[in-house]
Amino acid sequence: MTLGEALCKKYALTSFRNGGCSLAILAINEAIEAAATIVEEQKQVDVAARIRRLKWSETQMSIPEAA
């Protein structure tokens, strides 16, 4: 069980699901990815990789791209 799954169970973060994953968890993952991207832009690739390992789920949000 991942940390995210454990927190979902403990705090009942089970509503608003997208493809089997809580939207709260997906939002946290997006914030983690944004932080990793900023660090990566500063040429700190090793730190960005460590930040990305904090993600709680492998599921990604599907954000439609602008045409």
Protein backbone atom coordinates (compact mmCIF):
# COMPACT_ATOMS: atom_id res chain seq x y z
CA MET A 1 0.00 0.00 0.00
CA THR A 2 1.40 3.41 -0.98
CA LEU A 3 1.47 6.38 1.36
CA GLY A 4 -1.27 7.96 -0.72
CA GLU A 5 -3.48 4.89 -0.47
CA ALA A 6 -2.93 4.74 3.29
CA LEU A 7 -3.86 8.43 3.69
CA CYS A 8 -6.92 7.99 1.47
CA LYS A 9 -8.08 5.14 3.67
CA LYS A 10 -7.26 6.91 6.95
CA TYR A 11 -8.84 10.25 6.02
CA ALA A 12 -11.59 8.94 3.74
CA LEU A 13 -10.26 10.72 0.65
CA THR A 14 -12.31 8.39 -1.51
CA SER A 15 -14.85 10.75 -3.05
CA PHE A 16 -14.44 12.39 -6.44
CA ARG A 17 -12.58 9.56 -8.10
CA ASN A 18 -11.00 9.74 -11.54
CA GLY A 19 -10.17 6.35 -13.00
CA GLY A 20 -9.92 4.71 -9.59
CA CYS A 21 -7.74 7.38 -7.96
CA SER A 22 -8.86 10.13 -5.61
CA LEU A 23 -8.75 13.59 -7.14
CA ALA A 24 -7.07 14.83 -3.94
CA ILE A 25 -4.19 12.43 -4.60
CA LEU A 26 -4.03 13.46 -8.25
CA ALA A 27 -3.84 17.13 -7.23
CA ILE A 28 -1.02 16.39 -4.79
CA ASN A 29 0.82 14.52 -7.54
CA GLU A 30 0.42 17.50 -9.88
CA ALA A 31 1.90 19.82 -7.24
CA ILE A 32 4.83 17.45 -6.75
CA GLU A 33 5.42 17.31 -10.51
CA ALA A 34 5.31 21.11 -10.76
CA ALA A 35 7.92 21.39 -8.00
CA ALA A 36 10.13 18.82 -9.72
CA THR A 37 9.87 20.68 -13.03
CA ILE A 38 10.95 23.94 -11.41
CA VAL A 39 13.93 22.26 -9.76
CA GLU A 40 14.83 20.54 -13.03
CA GLU A 41 14.92 23.92 -14.77
CA GLN A 42 17.57 24.94 -12.25
CA LYS A 43 19.73 22.01 -13.47
CA GLN A 44 19.15 20.00 -10.27
CA VAL A 45 18.12 16.76 -11.99
CA ASP A 46 18.99 14.55 -9.02
CA VAL A 47 16.81 16.64 -6.70
CA ALA A 48 13.96 16.60 -9.24
CA ALA A 49 14.13 12.80 -9.34
CA ARG A 50 13.95 12.65 -5.54
CA ILE A 51 10.92 14.95 -5.55
CA ARG A 52 9.18 12.82 -8.19
CA ARG A 53 9.64 9.73 -6.01
CA LEU A 54 7.29 11.38 -3.50
CA LYS A 55 4.33 10.93 -5.84
CA TRP A 56 1.51 9.01 -4.27
CA SER A 57 0.15 7.30 -7.36
CA GLU A 58 1.21 6.43 -10.88
CA THR A 59 -2.11 7.75 -12.20
CA GLN A 60 -1.91 11.08 -14.02
CA MET A 61 -4.59 13.73 -14.52
CA SER A 62 -5.74 13.99 -18.09
CA ILE A 63 -5.77 17.68 -18.89
CA PRO A 64 -7.01 18.49 -22.39
CA GLU A 65 -4.46 20.45 -24.36
CA ALA A 66 -5.47 23.70 -26.04
CA ALA A 67 -5.80 23.47 -29.79
